[in-house]
Amino acid sequence: MAHAPDSSVDLKHYEVSAERGFLPEPDPEPALPAPLALWQELAAELPKRLAAQRLRTAVRTLPLFDLAALRSPAEERAAMRVLSFLGHAFVWEGGAPDPVLPRQLAQPWCVIARRLGRPPVLSYATYALDNWRRFDPYGPLRVENLAILQNFLGGQDEDWFILIHVEIEALAARALRAAPGARDAASRGDGAALTARLEEVAAALEAMLASLRRMPERCDPYVYFTRVRPFIHGWKNHPALPNGVVYEGVAELLAPQRLRGETGAQSTIVPALDALLGVAHAPDPLREYLDEMRGYMPPRHRAFLEHVEEGSCVRGAVRELRSARPELAEAYDACLRWLEAFRTLHLDYAAKYIDAQAGGGANPSDVGTGGTPFMKYLAKHRDETASHRLG
């Protein structure tokens, strides 16, 4: 069933779908054009080559390809996916990082990243948003109907970790399409309409939390930490790559680059909901890091977040209208309770999947894959969410 946003905001302008949120529409391009088939073939062999530590040799023998074969943004995103996985696999193969990306990878990766407005590194947009297909092309965007297009080592834990994020993105669509209408209702003081929109947001958050709760079903903390996590690290604030990574043959990147790794903090969902609900976070290292993560979001998604932030008046309207409409305050607080619960579960997973694991070297357990200490600040942001409840 198609859903239309209930305001004049053109979600498509921001590459936001009323049906699937920040997930691309149509579905991600599964394969590269024939002239770039060697990239695709090598990426398909990643699990076997990483197991045998035979990737770097193969990458160094690749020719430099003409990118004219890429004729659409969807094909460019597919190329970004393949090159990002190859790039991270090259750097982290065998647990002893190679700090120099050969020009066969570095040059096309940087060109395509520049076209897409993203850094040349594996980001959440590439790892999750652009990395899935449906078994039934007309079926729902739910984990049971989804498969991953690209892996590192492969296995159900890696697939499940990514697919849960994809499902959460799809479930967030209900909140995202309600957000513009909530702002409109707040600005005109329409308590009934605002209540209805906030109830939609709360229902979306409840469904997102239910999906996140399924993470342990097929993603084991130890397997995640030892097989999945090592390859999604970046090269900023990482003890094994203190100077970053050199992108060979890229004139504008002569110095080693320090870029963050893939992390759910690069998803636009939670920042957009914080902005809509007026949840403010006091300055701390995590807030600075989250602000930095906006640079890793697709540009149109970042613009949507900025649009929601501009003059958001939902919290103020709820406070003004709640005496006459107690159901409005309850709907607002329900959003915050679900958002707090979502953050609480994320904090619990951070403890079980990362902090409790013994790590070091190329896979430290005291920093996230984005390269920042996280535990106490995740708890702080959770508590700040709870502090905004009105009842």
Protein backbone atom coordinates (compact mmCIF):
# COMPACT_ATOMS: atom_id res chain seq x y z
CA MET A 1 0.00 0.00 0.00
CA ALA A 2 1.44 3.37 -1.04
CA HIS A 3 1.66 6.14 1.52
CA ALA A 4 1.84 9.84 0.79
CA PRO A 5 3.51 12.35 3.10
CA ASP A 6 0.99 14.68 4.73
CA SER A 7 2.66 18.02 4.04
CA SER A 8 3.96 20.05 1.15
CA VAL A 9 7.54 18.84 1.69
CA ASP A 10 8.80 16.88 -1.32
CA LEU A 11 10.46 13.88 0.32
CA LYS A 12 11.81 12.71 -3.05
CA HIS A 13 13.88 15.88 -3.26
CA TYR A 14 15.76 14.58 -0.22
CA GLU A 15 15.94 11.01 -1.56
CA VAL A 16 13.54 9.95 1.19
CA SER A 17 10.80 7.48 0.35
CA ALA A 18 7.41 7.47 2.06
CA GLU A 19 7.53 3.67 1.77
CA ARG A 20 11.12 2.84 2.70
CA GLY A 21 12.64 5.92 4.31
CA PHE A 22 16.32 6.42 3.51
CA LEU A 23 16.60 3.15 1.58
CA PRO A 24 17.02 3.71 -2.17
CA GLU A 25 14.08 3.45 -4.52
CA PRO A 26 14.18 1.42 -6.71
CA ASP A 27 16.16 -1.37 -5.02
CA PRO A 28 19.99 -1.19 -5.18
CA GLU A 29 21.67 -2.13 -8.44
CA PRO A 30 23.00 -5.65 -7.84
CA ALA A 31 25.79 -5.75 -10.43
CA LEU A 32 28.24 -3.54 -12.28
CA PRO A 33 28.26 -3.01 -16.06
CA ALA A 34 30.20 -5.60 -18.07
CA PRO A 35 33.31 -3.42 -18.60
CA LEU A 36 33.82 -3.41 -14.80
CA ALA A 37 33.18 -7.13 -14.33
CA LEU A 38 36.66 -7.77 -12.92
CA TRP A 39 35.83 -5.63 -9.88
CA GLN A 40 32.60 -7.55 -9.38
CA GLU A 41 34.29 -10.93 -9.75
CA LEU A 42 37.03 -10.06 -7.28
CA ALA A 43 34.52 -8.71 -4.75
CA ALA A 44 32.46 -11.90 -5.07
CA GLU A 45 35.57 -13.86 -4.06
CA LEU A 46 36.25 -11.81 -0.93
CA PRO A 47 35.31 -14.56 1.58
CA LYS A 48 37.66 -17.08 -0.05
CA ARG A 49 40.49 -14.65 -0.76
CA LEU A 50 40.39 -13.16 2.74
CA ALA A 51 40.48 -16.65 4.23
CA ALA A 52 43.54 -17.48 2.13
CA GLN A 53 45.04 -13.96 2.43
CA ARG A 54 45.21 -13.71 -1.35
CA LEU A 55 43.38 -10.44 -1.96
CA ARG A 56 46.17 -7.86 -2.02
CA THR A 57 48.08 -9.64 -4.77
CA ALA A 58 44.95 -9.78 -6.94
CA VAL A 59 44.15 -6.10 -6.38
CA ARG A 60 47.64 -5.04 -7.43
CA THR A 61 47.20 -6.83 -10.77
CA LEU A 62 43.95 -5.02 -11.63
CA PRO A 63 44.02 -2.59 -14.56
CA LEU A 64 42.76 0.98 -14.31
CA PHE A 65 39.23 1.00 -15.71
CA ASP A 66 37.38 3.74 -17.59
CA LEU A 67 34.48 4.88 -15.42
CA ALA A 68 32.45 5.95 -18.47
CA ALA A 69 30.69 2.58 -18.18
CA LEU A 70 28.83 3.91 -15.13
CA ARG A 71 25.76 5.60 -16.60
CA SER A 72 23.49 6.25 -13.61
CA PRO A 73 23.67 7.18 -9.92
CA ALA A 74 22.46 3.65 -9.10
CA GLU A 75 25.43 2.15 -10.97
CA GLU A 76 27.76 4.62 -9.25
CA ARG A 77 26.44 3.51 -5.86
CA ALA A 78 26.97 -0.12 -6.89
CA ALA A 79 30.56 0.70 -7.84
CA MET A 80 30.99 2.52 -4.53
CA ARG A 81 29.81 -0.63 -2.76
CA VAL A 82 32.23 -2.92 -4.59
CA LEU A 83 35.22 -0.58 -4.27
CA SER A 84 34.53 0.17 -0.60
CA PHE A 85 34.46 -3.52 0.30
CA LEU A 86 37.58 -4.17 -1.78
CA GLY A 87 39.31 -1.17 -0.21
CA HIS A 88 38.60 -2.17 3.38
CA ALA A 89 39.41 -5.81 2.67
CA PHE A 90 42.74 -4.72 1.16
CA VAL A 91 43.65 -2.55 4.15
CA TRP A 92 42.60 -5.03 6.87
CA GLU A 93 43.44 -8.39 5.27
CA GLY A 94 45.12 -10.72 7.74
CA GLY A 95 44.82 -8.29 10.65
CA ALA A 96 48.05 -6.48 9.73
CA PRO A 97 46.89 -3.32 7.96
CA ASP A 98 48.45 -2.06 4.74
CA PRO A 99 48.49 1.75 4.88
CA VAL A 100 48.82 2.28 1.10
CA LEU A 101 45.85 1.72 -1.20
CA PRO A 102 47.13 1.00 -4.73
CA ARG A 103 46.06 3.36 -7.49
CA GLN A 104 43.93 0.62 -9.12
CA LEU A 105 41.55 1.02 -6.18
CA ALA A 106 42.33 4.48 -4.88
CA GLN A 107 41.76 6.47 -8.06
CA PRO A 108 38.34 5.14 -9.10
CA TRP A 109 37.16 4.97 -5.49
CA CYS A 110 37.92 8.65 -4.98
CA VAL A 111 36.31 9.67 -8.28
CA ILE A 112 33.07 7.84 -7.52
CA ALA A 113 33.02 9.01 -3.90
CA ARG A 114 33.35 12.60 -5.10
CA ARG A 115 30.45 12.14 -7.53
CA LEU A 116 28.27 10.79 -4.72
CA GLY A 117 29.34 13.44 -2.21
CA ARG A 118 30.77 10.88 0.20
CA PRO A 119 34.28 10.25 1.58
CA PRO A 120 36.29 7.42 -0.05
CA VAL A 121 35.72 4.96 2.78
CA LEU A 122 33.12 2.32 3.66
CA SER A 123 30.22 4.28 5.14
CA TYR A 124 26.87 3.17 6.54
CA ALA A 125 25.16 4.25 3.32
CA THR A 126 27.27 1.80 1.32
CA TYR A 127 27.36 -0.98 3.93
CA ALA A 128 23.62 -1.04 4.65
CA LEU A 129 21.46 1.33 2.57
CA ASP A 130 22.89 0.21 -0.79
CA ASN A 131 23.70 -3.41 0.08
CA TRP A 132 20.57 -5.57 -0.13
CA ARG A 133 18.18 -7.32 -2.47
CA ARG A 134 14.78 -8.97 -2.10
CA PHE A 135 14.10 -12.64 -2.74
CA ASP A 136 10.55 -11.75 -3.74
CA PRO A 137 10.95 -8.45 -5.63
CA TYR A 138 7.37 -7.50 -4.74
CA GLY A 139 7.57 -8.67 -1.15
CA PRO A 140 8.12 -6.64 2.03
CA LEU A 141 11.39 -5.10 3.16
CA ARG A 142 11.74 -7.49 6.09
CA VAL A 143 14.71 -9.62 7.07
CA GLU A 144 13.03 -12.84 5.95
CA ASN A 145 12.78 -11.45 2.40
CA LEU A 146 16.22 -9.82 2.24
CA ALA A 147 19.73 -10.88 1.29
CA ILE A 148 23.04 -9.02 1.30
CA LEU A 149 24.67 -8.12 -2.01
CA GLN A 150 28.26 -7.92 -0.74
CA ASN A 151 30.11 -9.52 2.19
CA PHE A 152 33.60 -9.62 3.63
CA LEU A 153 33.93 -13.11 5.17
CA GLY A 154 30.25 -13.97 4.81
CA GLY A 155 28.12 -16.11 7.10
CA GLN A 156 24.77 -15.59 8.78
CA ASP A 157 26.15 -13.32 11.53
CA GLU A 158 27.49 -10.79 9.04
CA ASP A 159 24.33 -10.97 6.91
CA TRP A 160 22.00 -10.66 9.90
CA PHE A 161 23.91 -7.72 11.37
CA ILE A 162 23.45 -5.75 8.15
CA LEU A 163 19.90 -6.93 7.40
CA ILE A 164 18.56 -5.84 10.79
CA HIS A 165 19.82 -2.34 10.01
CA VAL A 166 18.16 -2.46 6.59
CA GLU A 167 14.85 -3.51 8.14
CA ILE A 168 15.07 -0.75 10.76
CA GLU A 169 15.61 1.79 7.98
CA ALA A 170 12.48 0.53 6.21
CA LEU A 171 10.43 0.64 9.41
CA ALA A 172 11.56 4.22 10.06
CA ALA A 173 9.73 5.37 6.92
CA ARG A 174 6.51 5.70 8.92
CA ALA A 175 8.15 8.26 11.20
CA LEU A 176 9.93 10.10 8.41
CA ARG A 177 6.79 10.61 6.34
CA ALA A 178 4.99 11.87 9.47
CA ALA A 179 7.74 14.33 10.40
CA PRO A 180 6.87 17.15 7.94
CA GLY A 181 3.19 16.93 8.89
CA ALA A 182 4.10 17.08 12.57
CA ARG A 183 6.07 20.25 12.00
CA ASP A 184 3.23 21.78 9.98
CA ALA A 185 0.66 20.91 12.64
CA ALA A 186 2.88 22.33 15.37
CA SER A 187 3.42 25.59 13.51
CA ARG A 188 -0.34 26.18 13.13
CA GLY A 189 -1.24 24.95 16.62
CA ASP A 190 -3.32 22.01 15.41
CA GLY A 191 -3.21 19.72 18.42
CA ALA A 192 -5.32 16.95 16.90
CA ALA A 193 -3.17 16.68 13.78
CA LEU A 194 0.02 16.87 15.81
CA THR A 195 -1.19 14.09 18.10
CA ALA A 196 -1.92 11.88 15.11
CA ARG A 197 1.51 12.50 13.58
CA LEU A 198 3.31 11.81 16.87
CA GLU A 199 1.37 8.58 17.27
CA GLU A 200 2.75 7.57 13.87
CA VAL A 201 6.28 8.38 15.02
CA ALA A 202 5.81 6.37 18.23
CA ALA A 203 4.47 3.38 16.30
CA ALA A 204 7.48 3.50 13.98
CA LEU A 205 9.89 3.61 16.92
CA GLU A 206 8.12 0.67 18.55
CA ALA A 207 8.54 -1.38 15.36
CA MET A 208 12.19 -0.33 15.02
CA LEU A 209 12.88 -1.46 18.58
CA ALA A 210 11.19 -4.81 17.93
CA SER A 211 13.48 -5.30 14.93
CA LEU A 212 16.60 -4.32 16.87
CA ARG A 213 15.66 -6.83 19.59
CA ARG A 214 16.09 -9.59 17.00
CA MET A 215 19.81 -8.89 16.52
CA PRO A 216 20.97 -11.75 18.83
CA GLU A 217 18.84 -14.32 16.97
CA ARG A 218 21.50 -14.84 14.30
CA CYS A 219 24.35 -12.49 15.18
CA ASP A 220 26.53 -13.77 18.02
CA PRO A 221 28.59 -11.17 19.94
CA TYR A 222 31.85 -13.13 19.68
CA VAL A 223 31.40 -13.88 15.98
CA TYR A 224 30.50 -10.26 15.32
CA PHE A 225 33.57 -9.00 17.14
CA THR A 226 36.04 -11.42 15.56
CA ARG A 227 34.66 -11.88 12.02
CA VAL A 228 32.42 -8.93 11.17
CA ARG A 229 33.81 -5.92 12.98
CA PRO A 230 37.50 -6.03 11.96
CA PHE A 231 36.77 -5.08 8.35
CA ILE A 232 34.49 -2.10 8.98
CA HIS A 233 37.05 -0.10 10.96
CA GLY A 234 38.24 3.11 9.37
CA TRP A 235 41.60 4.82 9.59
CA LYS A 236 41.08 7.72 11.96
CA ASN A 237 41.99 7.47 15.64
CA HIS A 238 42.87 3.83 15.06
CA PRO A 239 45.93 2.55 16.97
CA ALA A 240 46.95 0.20 14.15
CA LEU A 241 46.88 3.04 11.58
CA PRO A 242 47.95 6.11 13.54
CA ASN A 243 48.86 8.04 10.40
CA GLY A 244 45.88 7.04 8.29
CA VAL A 245 45.95 5.58 4.77
CA VAL A 246 47.61 6.79 1.56
CA TYR A 247 45.44 6.87 -1.57
CA GLU A 248 48.07 6.19 -4.22
CA GLY A 249 47.87 8.26 -7.38
CA VAL A 250 45.18 10.67 -6.14
CA ALA A 251 46.63 14.14 -6.68
CA GLU A 252 44.30 15.97 -4.30
CA LEU A 253 45.01 13.47 -1.50
CA LEU A 254 48.79 13.59 -1.32
CA ALA A 255 48.89 13.29 2.48
CA PRO A 256 47.64 10.17 4.30
CA GLN A 257 43.89 10.35 4.92
CA ARG A 258 42.26 9.79 8.29
CA LEU A 259 38.66 8.72 7.74
CA ARG A 260 36.11 7.19 10.10
CA GLY A 261 34.86 3.65 9.60
CA GLU A 262 31.33 2.39 9.05
CA THR A 263 29.03 2.94 12.00
CA GLY A 264 25.31 3.17 12.64
CA ALA A 265 26.01 6.71 13.86
CA GLN A 266 26.08 7.60 10.16
CA SER A 267 22.38 6.72 9.82
CA THR A 268 20.15 9.78 9.56
CA ILE A 269 17.20 8.25 11.43
CA VAL A 270 17.97 8.99 15.09
CA PRO A 271 19.39 12.50 14.49
CA ALA A 272 16.25 13.34 12.48
CA LEU A 273 13.98 12.09 15.27
CA ASP A 274 16.02 13.98 17.88
CA ALA A 275 15.57 17.11 15.78
CA LEU A 276 11.85 16.57 15.29
CA LEU A 277 11.21 15.98 19.00
CA GLY A 278 13.51 18.76 20.19
CA VAL A 279 15.88 16.42 22.03
CA ALA A 280 19.04 18.40 22.77
CA HIS A 281 22.34 16.88 23.84
CA ALA A 282 24.81 18.88 25.93
CA PRO A 283 28.29 19.22 24.41
CA ASP A 284 30.43 16.12 24.80
CA PRO A 285 32.82 14.08 22.63
CA LEU A 286 29.98 11.91 21.30
CA ARG A 287 28.00 14.93 20.15
CA GLU A 288 31.06 16.26 18.35
CA TYR A 289 31.55 12.86 16.77
CA LEU A 290 27.89 12.64 15.68
CA ASP A 291 28.17 16.08 14.09
CA GLU A 292 31.22 14.81 12.20
CA MET A 293 29.26 11.75 11.06
CA ARG A 294 26.94 13.98 9.05
CA GLY A 295 29.74 14.33 6.55
CA TYR A 296 29.44 10.59 5.87
CA MET A 297 25.70 10.71 5.15
CA PRO A 298 24.42 10.95 1.56
CA PRO A 299 24.15 14.70 0.86
CA ARG A 300 20.37 14.71 0.33
CA HIS A 301 19.81 12.83 3.60
CA ARG A 302 21.97 15.35 5.40
CA ALA A 303 19.90 18.13 3.81
CA PHE A 304 16.70 16.47 5.05
CA LEU A 305 18.12 16.38 8.58
CA GLU A 306 19.00 20.06 8.35
CA HIS A 307 15.50 20.83 7.07
CA VAL A 308 13.92 19.06 10.06
CA GLU A 309 16.24 20.93 12.41
CA GLU A 310 15.40 24.35 10.99
CA GLY A 311 12.86 25.93 13.27
CA SER A 312 11.54 22.66 14.67
CA CYS A 313 8.67 23.67 16.95
CA VAL A 314 7.07 20.36 17.93
CA ARG A 315 8.22 20.33 21.56
CA GLY A 316 7.17 23.95 22.08
CA ALA A 317 3.73 23.32 20.59
CA VAL A 318 3.20 20.26 22.79
CA ARG A 319 4.06 22.27 25.89
CA GLU A 320 1.66 25.05 24.90
CA LEU A 321 -1.25 22.77 23.99
CA ARG A 322 -0.92 19.94 26.53
CA SER A 323 -3.23 21.43 29.19
CA ALA A 324 -6.14 21.36 26.74
CA ARG A 325 -5.00 18.14 25.04
CA PRO A 326 -3.43 15.69 27.50
CA GLU A 327 -3.39 13.04 24.76
CA LEU A 328 -0.91 15.22 22.86
CA ALA A 329 1.59 15.18 25.72
CA GLU A 330 1.10 11.43 26.06
CA ALA A 331 1.83 10.91 22.35
CA TYR A 332 4.95 13.07 22.62
CA ASP A 333 6.18 11.26 25.72
CA ALA A 334 5.49 7.91 24.05
CA CYS A 335 7.90 8.91 21.28
CA LEU A 336 10.54 9.73 23.86
CA ARG A 337 9.98 6.50 25.78
CA TRP A 338 10.44 4.42 22.64
CA LEU A 339 13.48 6.46 21.59
CA GLU A 340 14.95 6.04 25.08
CA ALA A 341 14.29 2.28 24.90
CA PHE A 342 15.95 2.12 21.49
CA ARG A 343 19.03 3.87 22.87
CA THR A 344 19.03 1.64 25.95
CA LEU A 345 19.07 -1.51 23.82
CA HIS A 346 21.79 -0.06 21.61
CA LEU A 347 23.85 0.65 24.72
CA ASP A 348 23.28 -2.92 25.91
CA TYR A 349 24.47 -4.28 22.56
CA ALA A 350 27.52 -2.00 22.59
CA ALA A 351 28.43 -3.53 25.95
CA LYS A 352 27.85 -7.15 24.86
CA TYR A 353 29.10 -7.04 21.29
CA ILE A 354 32.11 -4.75 21.77
CA ASP A 355 33.02 -3.65 25.27
CA ALA A 356 32.83 -7.14 26.80
CA GLN A 357 35.00 -8.66 24.07
CA ALA A 358 38.76 -8.75 24.52
CA GLY A 359 40.22 -6.69 21.72
CA GLY A 360 43.43 -5.05 20.72
CA GLY A 361 45.70 -4.22 17.82
CA ALA A 362 43.65 -3.85 14.65
CA ASN A 363 40.36 -4.56 16.49
CA PRO A 364 40.36 -2.54 19.74
CA SER A 365 37.32 -2.95 22.00
CA ASP A 366 37.59 0.42 23.72
CA VAL A 367 36.61 2.42 20.62
CA GLY A 368 33.80 2.06 18.11
CA THR A 369 34.37 1.26 14.45
CA GLY A 370 34.23 5.00 13.86
CA GLY A 371 37.25 5.34 16.15
CA THR A 372 35.84 6.97 19.27
CA PRO A 373 35.29 5.92 22.92
CA PHE A 374 31.57 5.43 23.33
CA MET A 375 30.09 3.71 26.39
CA LYS A 376 29.62 6.53 28.90
CA TYR A 377 28.44 8.96 26.25
CA LEU A 378 25.86 6.55 24.85
CA ALA A 379 24.42 6.31 28.36
CA LYS A 380 24.44 10.10 28.68
CA HIS A 381 22.54 10.57 25.42
CA ARG A 382 20.01 7.96 26.53
CA ASP A 383 19.50 9.79 29.82
CA GLU A 384 19.16 13.13 28.04
CA THR A 385 16.41 11.63 25.89
CA ALA A 386 14.50 10.55 29.01
CA SER A 387 14.94 13.99 30.58
CA HIS A 388 12.87 15.60 27.81
CA ARG A 389 9.66 13.78 28.77
CA LEU A 390 6.93 16.15 29.90
CA GLY A 391 5.02 13.77 32.15
